[in-house]
Amino acid sequence: MFEDADLIHRYTRADALEDGTLVDVTETAKGVGFRIPVALTRTAWSDCVAWTEEDNERVVYQDESGRLWDLLWMAINAARRNTEASRLEFKVLRVPRDSRTGQPVSVTLVLDIGPGDQGEAVITIGFAEDF
């Protein structure tokens, strides 16, 4: 239907990884048990993983690697429980960066298995509104 149409714009997964819209977490995800590339949306990274020394002083001690591992652990367990879906929701408890109490709060994330730039299977994790 559109074979002869002019391409106006193209934005690939590689573009999103390069400009930071997606954060590649594949190496850590392999350690958790994922077998295909995994990326987080920038909003999921900022909300659920990002943690600074200032956050440690202000809220409670944590680190990004531990927060990332926890998120990926919850994601792979959700995927193992629901092997038929290409998109599923799962919950993660995380301490918000603006917390005054240091108490964890539950958030719902989406794990989406879809095609990469070459049609290969890839996983993207983010908030529902990120997709």
N, C-alpha and C. Protein backbone atom coordinates (compact mmCIF):
# COMPACT_ATOMS: atom_id res chain seq x y z
N MET A 1 0.81 -1.19 0.00
CA MET A 1 0.00 0.00 0.00
C MET A 1 0.87 1.27 0.00
N PHE A 2 1.97 1.27 0.73
CA PHE A 2 2.80 2.47 0.82
C PHE A 2 4.18 2.27 0.19
N GLU A 3 4.32 1.29 -0.67
CA GLU A 3 5.63 0.98 -1.25
C GLU A 3 6.26 2.17 -1.97
N ASP A 4 5.46 3.01 -2.60
CA ASP A 4 5.99 4.13 -3.36
C ASP A 4 6.00 5.44 -2.56
N ALA A 5 5.63 5.38 -1.30
CA ALA A 5 5.56 6.60 -0.49
C ALA A 5 6.96 7.04 -0.07
N ASP A 6 7.13 8.35 0.08
CA ASP A 6 8.38 8.89 0.56
C ASP A 6 8.47 8.71 2.07
N LEU A 7 9.65 8.35 2.54
CA LEU A 7 9.89 8.21 3.97
C LEU A 7 10.05 9.60 4.56
N ILE A 8 9.22 9.91 5.54
CA ILE A 8 9.28 11.23 6.17
C ILE A 8 10.25 11.22 7.34
N HIS A 9 10.14 10.18 8.18
CA HIS A 9 11.00 10.10 9.35
C HIS A 9 11.08 8.66 9.81
N ARG A 10 12.21 8.29 10.36
CA ARG A 10 12.39 6.96 10.90
C ARG A 10 13.16 7.12 12.20
N TYR A 11 12.67 6.45 13.25
CA TYR A 11 13.31 6.48 14.56
C TYR A 11 13.42 5.04 15.04
N THR A 12 14.62 4.53 15.09
CA THR A 12 14.84 3.12 15.39
C THR A 12 15.15 2.91 16.87
N ARG A 13 15.14 1.66 17.27
CA ARG A 13 15.56 1.32 18.64
C ARG A 13 17.01 1.76 18.86
N ALA A 14 17.85 1.55 17.86
CA ALA A 14 19.25 1.99 17.96
C ALA A 14 19.32 3.50 18.19
N ASP A 15 18.46 4.27 17.51
CA ASP A 15 18.42 5.72 17.73
C ASP A 15 18.03 6.03 19.17
N ALA A 16 17.02 5.31 19.68
CA ALA A 16 16.55 5.55 21.04
C ALA A 16 17.62 5.20 22.07
N LEU A 17 18.39 4.14 21.82
CA LEU A 17 19.48 3.80 22.72
C LEU A 17 20.59 4.84 22.65
N GLU A 18 20.88 5.32 21.46
CA GLU A 18 21.94 6.30 21.28
C GLU A 18 21.60 7.64 21.93
N ASP A 19 20.35 8.07 21.81
CA ASP A 19 20.01 9.39 22.38
C ASP A 19 19.55 9.32 23.83
N GLY A 20 19.49 8.11 24.41
CA GLY A 20 19.16 7.98 25.83
C GLY A 20 17.69 7.83 26.15
N THR A 21 16.85 7.77 25.13
CA THR A 21 15.43 7.53 25.37
C THR A 21 15.23 6.14 25.95
N LEU A 22 16.08 5.20 25.52
CA LEU A 22 16.13 3.86 26.10
C LEU A 22 17.50 3.66 26.73
N VAL A 23 17.53 2.90 27.82
CA VAL A 23 18.78 2.59 28.51
C VAL A 23 19.02 1.08 28.36
N ASP A 24 20.14 0.73 27.75
CA ASP A 24 20.46 -0.68 27.54
C ASP A 24 20.91 -1.31 28.86
N VAL A 25 20.21 -2.35 29.29
CA VAL A 25 20.55 -3.06 30.54
C VAL A 25 20.78 -4.55 30.25
N THR A 26 21.13 -4.86 29.02
CA THR A 26 21.25 -6.24 28.57
C THR A 26 22.25 -7.04 29.40
N GLU A 27 23.41 -6.49 29.70
CA GLU A 27 24.43 -7.25 30.42
C GLU A 27 23.93 -7.66 31.80
N THR A 28 23.33 -6.75 32.53
CA THR A 28 22.78 -7.08 33.85
C THR A 28 21.62 -8.05 33.69
N ALA A 29 20.79 -7.84 32.68
CA ALA A 29 19.64 -8.71 32.45
C ALA A 29 20.07 -10.15 32.16
N LYS A 30 21.20 -10.34 31.48
CA LYS A 30 21.71 -11.68 31.24
C LYS A 30 21.99 -12.39 32.56
N GLY A 31 22.55 -11.66 33.52
CA GLY A 31 22.84 -12.23 34.83
C GLY A 31 21.60 -12.67 35.57
N VAL A 32 20.49 -12.00 35.31
CA VAL A 32 19.22 -12.34 35.94
C VAL A 32 18.57 -13.54 35.24
N GLY A 33 18.91 -13.75 33.95
CA GLY A 33 18.35 -14.88 33.22
C GLY A 33 17.72 -14.55 31.89
N PHE A 34 17.68 -13.28 31.49
CA PHE A 34 17.14 -12.92 30.19
C PHE A 34 18.10 -13.38 29.10
N ARG A 35 17.56 -13.79 27.98
CA ARG A 35 18.39 -14.30 26.88
C ARG A 35 18.39 -13.39 25.66
N ILE A 36 17.60 -12.33 25.68
CA ILE A 36 17.53 -11.40 24.56
C ILE A 36 17.79 -9.99 25.08
N PRO A 37 18.12 -9.04 24.21
CA PRO A 37 18.42 -7.68 24.65
C PRO A 37 17.27 -7.05 25.45
N VAL A 38 17.64 -6.33 26.49
CA VAL A 38 16.66 -5.66 27.35
C VAL A 38 17.05 -4.19 27.50
N ALA A 39 16.06 -3.32 27.39
CA ALA A 39 16.26 -1.89 27.62
C ALA A 39 15.13 -1.36 28.48
N LEU A 40 15.44 -0.34 29.27
CA LEU A 40 14.43 0.36 30.06
C LEU A 40 14.16 1.70 29.41
N THR A 41 12.92 2.15 29.50
CA THR A 41 12.64 3.51 29.06
C THR A 41 13.34 4.46 30.02
N ARG A 42 13.64 5.64 29.56
CA ARG A 42 14.32 6.63 30.41
C ARG A 42 13.47 6.95 31.64
N THR A 43 12.15 6.99 31.50
CA THR A 43 11.31 7.30 32.67
C THR A 43 11.35 6.17 33.69
N ALA A 44 11.36 4.92 33.24
CA ALA A 44 11.47 3.80 34.18
C ALA A 44 12.83 3.82 34.87
N TRP A 45 13.88 4.10 34.12
CA TRP A 45 15.23 4.19 34.72
C TRP A 45 15.25 5.30 35.78
N SER A 46 14.75 6.47 35.42
CA SER A 46 14.80 7.62 36.33
C SER A 46 13.99 7.38 37.59
N ASP A 47 12.86 6.71 37.46
CA ASP A 47 11.97 6.50 38.59
C ASP A 47 12.38 5.30 39.45
N CYS A 48 12.83 4.23 38.83
CA CYS A 48 13.02 2.97 39.56
C CYS A 48 14.47 2.56 39.78
N VAL A 49 15.41 3.13 39.03
CA VAL A 49 16.80 2.70 39.13
C VAL A 49 17.73 3.83 39.58
N ALA A 50 17.61 4.99 38.98
CA ALA A 50 18.54 6.09 39.26
C ALA A 50 18.64 6.37 40.76
N TRP A 51 19.88 6.52 41.25
CA TRP A 51 20.12 6.79 42.67
C TRP A 51 21.50 7.41 42.80
N THR A 52 21.60 8.48 43.55
CA THR A 52 22.86 9.21 43.68
C THR A 52 23.35 9.18 45.13
N GLU A 53 24.57 9.65 45.32
CA GLU A 53 25.11 9.79 46.68
C GLU A 53 24.25 10.78 47.49
N GLU A 54 23.74 11.80 46.84
CA GLU A 54 22.86 12.74 47.53
C GLU A 54 21.59 12.04 48.01
N ASP A 55 21.06 11.12 47.19
CA ASP A 55 19.89 10.34 47.61
C ASP A 55 20.24 9.50 48.84
N ASN A 56 21.45 8.93 48.87
CA ASN A 56 21.89 8.14 50.03
C ASN A 56 21.91 8.99 51.29
N GLU A 57 22.38 10.21 51.17
CA GLU A 57 22.47 11.09 52.33
C GLU A 57 21.10 11.61 52.76
N ARG A 58 20.22 11.83 51.80
CA ARG A 58 18.92 12.42 52.07
C ARG A 58 17.86 11.40 52.47
N VAL A 59 17.89 10.21 51.86
CA VAL A 59 16.79 9.26 52.03
C VAL A 59 17.28 8.03 52.79
N VAL A 60 17.88 7.09 52.08
CA VAL A 60 18.35 5.84 52.65
C VAL A 60 19.42 5.30 51.70
N TYR A 61 20.36 4.51 52.23
CA TYR A 61 21.41 4.01 51.37
C TYR A 61 20.89 2.93 50.43
N GLN A 62 21.13 3.12 49.13
CA GLN A 62 20.85 2.14 48.07
C GLN A 62 21.86 2.41 46.97
N ASP A 63 21.88 1.54 45.98
CA ASP A 63 22.70 1.84 44.80
C ASP A 63 21.95 1.42 43.54
N GLU A 64 22.38 2.00 42.43
CA GLU A 64 21.69 1.75 41.17
C GLU A 64 21.75 0.29 40.76
N SER A 65 22.89 -0.35 40.98
CA SER A 65 23.00 -1.74 40.54
C SER A 65 22.02 -2.64 41.30
N GLY A 66 21.82 -2.40 42.57
CA GLY A 66 20.86 -3.17 43.35
C GLY A 66 19.42 -2.88 42.94
N ARG A 67 19.13 -1.62 42.69
CA ARG A 67 17.78 -1.25 42.25
C ARG A 67 17.47 -1.85 40.88
N LEU A 68 18.47 -1.84 39.97
CA LEU A 68 18.28 -2.43 38.65
C LEU A 68 18.08 -3.93 38.77
N TRP A 69 18.90 -4.60 39.57
CA TRP A 69 18.77 -6.04 39.75
C TRP A 69 17.37 -6.39 40.26
N ASP A 70 16.88 -5.65 41.25
CA ASP A 70 15.55 -5.91 41.80
C ASP A 70 14.46 -5.78 40.73
N LEU A 71 14.55 -4.73 39.93
CA LEU A 71 13.57 -4.51 38.86
C LEU A 71 13.61 -5.66 37.86
N LEU A 72 14.80 -6.05 37.43
CA LEU A 72 14.92 -7.13 36.45
C LEU A 72 14.50 -8.47 37.04
N TRP A 73 14.77 -8.69 38.30
CA TRP A 73 14.35 -9.93 38.96
C TRP A 73 12.83 -10.04 38.97
N MET A 74 12.15 -8.96 39.30
CA MET A 74 10.69 -8.96 39.29
C MET A 74 10.16 -9.16 37.87
N ALA A 75 10.84 -8.56 36.89
CA ALA A 75 10.42 -8.69 35.49
C ALA A 75 10.56 -10.12 35.00
N ILE A 76 11.68 -10.76 35.27
CA ILE A 76 11.86 -12.12 34.74
C ILE A 76 10.92 -13.09 35.45
N ASN A 77 10.64 -12.87 36.70
CA ASN A 77 9.69 -13.75 37.39
C ASN A 77 8.28 -13.58 36.84
N ALA A 78 7.91 -12.37 36.51
CA ALA A 78 6.60 -12.13 35.88
C ALA A 78 6.55 -12.81 34.51
N ALA A 79 7.65 -12.73 33.76
CA ALA A 79 7.69 -13.35 32.43
C ALA A 79 7.62 -14.87 32.54
N ARG A 80 8.25 -15.43 33.54
CA ARG A 80 8.22 -16.89 33.72
C ARG A 80 6.82 -17.38 34.11
N ARG A 81 6.07 -16.54 34.81
CA ARG A 81 4.71 -16.91 35.19
C ARG A 81 3.73 -16.79 34.03
N ASN A 82 4.06 -15.97 33.04
CA ASN A 82 3.13 -15.71 31.93
C ASN A 82 3.90 -15.83 30.62
N THR A 83 4.09 -17.04 30.16
CA THR A 83 4.93 -17.29 28.98
C THR A 83 4.21 -17.08 27.65
N GLU A 84 2.92 -16.82 27.68
CA GLU A 84 2.16 -16.68 26.43
C GLU A 84 2.03 -15.24 25.94
N ALA A 85 2.18 -14.28 26.83
CA ALA A 85 1.94 -12.87 26.48
C ALA A 85 3.20 -12.20 25.96
N SER A 86 3.03 -11.28 25.03
CA SER A 86 4.16 -10.49 24.56
C SER A 86 4.26 -9.17 25.33
N ARG A 87 3.23 -8.87 26.09
CA ARG A 87 3.23 -7.67 26.94
C ARG A 87 2.56 -8.03 28.25
N LEU A 88 3.24 -7.72 29.34
CA LEU A 88 2.66 -8.02 30.64
C LEU A 88 3.05 -6.96 31.65
N GLU A 89 2.21 -6.83 32.65
CA GLU A 89 2.46 -5.88 33.73
C GLU A 89 3.07 -6.63 34.92
N PHE A 90 3.91 -5.92 35.66
CA PHE A 90 4.45 -6.45 36.90
C PHE A 90 4.70 -5.29 37.85
N LYS A 91 4.77 -5.61 39.12
CA LYS A 91 4.96 -4.58 40.14
C LYS A 91 6.37 -4.64 40.71
N VAL A 92 6.86 -3.48 41.08
CA VAL A 92 8.17 -3.35 41.71
C VAL A 92 8.01 -2.43 42.91
N LEU A 93 8.61 -2.82 44.02
CA LEU A 93 8.70 -1.92 45.17
C LEU A 93 10.01 -1.17 45.05
N ARG A 94 9.93 0.15 45.08
CA ARG A 94 11.15 0.96 45.03
C ARG A 94 10.97 2.18 45.92
N VAL A 95 12.08 2.63 46.49
CA VAL A 95 12.05 3.85 47.31
C VAL A 95 12.12 5.03 46.35
N PRO A 96 11.11 5.90 46.39
CA PRO A 96 11.15 7.07 45.51
C PRO A 96 12.31 8.00 45.88
N ARG A 97 12.89 8.64 44.91
CA ARG A 97 14.01 9.55 45.17
C ARG A 97 13.58 10.74 46.00
N ASP A 98 12.30 11.10 45.94
CA ASP A 98 11.83 12.25 46.72
C ASP A 98 11.19 11.83 48.05
N SER A 99 11.44 10.58 48.46
CA SER A 99 10.85 10.06 49.69
C SER A 99 11.37 10.82 50.91
N ARG A 100 10.49 11.05 51.85
CA ARG A 100 10.90 11.65 53.13
C ARG A 100 11.06 10.58 54.20
N THR A 101 10.48 9.39 53.95
CA THR A 101 10.50 8.33 54.95
C THR A 101 11.43 7.18 54.60
N GLY A 102 11.81 7.04 53.33
CA GLY A 102 12.62 5.92 52.90
C GLY A 102 11.82 4.64 52.72
N GLN A 103 10.50 4.76 52.79
CA GLN A 103 9.64 3.58 52.64
C GLN A 103 9.42 3.28 51.16
N PRO A 104 9.47 1.98 50.80
CA PRO A 104 9.23 1.62 49.40
C PRO A 104 7.78 1.80 49.01
N VAL A 105 7.59 2.10 47.74
CA VAL A 105 6.26 2.30 47.16
C VAL A 105 6.18 1.40 45.93
N SER A 106 5.03 0.79 45.72
CA SER A 106 4.82 -0.09 44.58
C SER A 106 4.49 0.72 43.33
N VAL A 107 5.12 0.33 42.21
CA VAL A 107 4.78 0.89 40.91
C VAL A 107 4.55 -0.26 39.95
N THR A 108 3.73 -0.02 38.94
CA THR A 108 3.45 -1.03 37.93
C THR A 108 4.22 -0.69 36.66
N LEU A 109 4.99 -1.65 36.18
CA LEU A 109 5.74 -1.51 34.95
C LEU A 109 5.21 -2.49 33.91
N VAL A 110 5.58 -2.26 32.67
CA VAL A 110 5.18 -3.12 31.56
C VAL A 110 6.44 -3.70 30.93
N LEU A 111 6.42 -5.01 30.70
CA LEU A 111 7.47 -5.69 29.95
C LEU A 111 6.88 -5.99 28.58
N ASP A 112 7.53 -5.49 27.55
CA ASP A 112 7.04 -5.67 26.17
C ASP A 112 8.10 -6.40 25.36
N ILE A 113 7.71 -7.53 24.79
CA ILE A 113 8.60 -8.26 23.88
C ILE A 113 8.13 -7.94 22.47
N GLY A 114 9.03 -7.38 21.69
CA GLY A 114 8.66 -6.99 20.33
C GLY A 114 9.85 -7.09 19.41
N PRO A 115 9.67 -6.66 18.18
CA PRO A 115 10.76 -6.74 17.22
C PRO A 115 11.75 -5.59 17.38
N GLY A 116 13.03 -5.94 17.24
CA GLY A 116 14.07 -4.92 17.19
C GLY A 116 14.18 -4.36 15.78
N ASP A 117 15.22 -3.62 15.53
CA ASP A 117 15.40 -2.96 14.24
C ASP A 117 15.54 -3.93 13.07
N GLN A 118 16.02 -5.13 13.35
CA GLN A 118 16.18 -6.15 12.29
C GLN A 118 15.14 -7.25 12.41
N GLY A 119 14.11 -7.03 13.22
CA GLY A 119 13.06 -8.02 13.40
C GLY A 119 13.35 -9.03 14.51
N GLU A 120 14.50 -8.90 15.16
CA GLU A 120 14.86 -9.81 16.24
C GLU A 120 14.05 -9.49 17.50
N ALA A 121 13.90 -10.47 18.37
CA ALA A 121 13.16 -10.26 19.62
C ALA A 121 13.98 -9.40 20.57
N VAL A 122 13.32 -8.39 21.13
CA VAL A 122 13.93 -7.54 22.15
C VAL A 122 12.88 -7.24 23.21
N ILE A 123 13.34 -6.87 24.39
CA ILE A 123 12.45 -6.52 25.49
C ILE A 123 12.64 -5.06 25.84
N THR A 124 11.53 -4.39 26.05
CA THR A 124 11.55 -3.03 26.55
C THR A 124 10.69 -3.00 27.81
N ILE A 125 11.21 -2.38 28.86
CA ILE A 125 10.49 -2.27 30.12
C ILE A 125 10.27 -0.79 30.41
N GLY A 126 9.05 -0.44 30.76
CA GLY A 126 8.74 0.94 31.09
C GLY A 126 7.37 1.06 31.71
N PHE A 127 6.92 2.27 31.88
CA PHE A 127 5.57 2.54 32.34
C PHE A 127 4.62 2.43 31.16
N ALA A 128 3.36 2.11 31.42
CA ALA A 128 2.37 1.95 30.34
C ALA A 128 2.35 3.17 29.42
N GLU A 129 2.47 4.35 29.98
CA GLU A 129 2.39 5.56 29.16
C GLU A 129 3.66 5.77 28.31
N ASP A 130 4.71 4.99 28.53
CA ASP A 130 5.93 5.09 27.74
C ASP A 130 5.79 4.43 26.37
N PHE A 131 4.77 3.60 26.21
CA PHE A 131 4.63 2.83 24.98
C PHE A 131 3.62 3.45 24.05
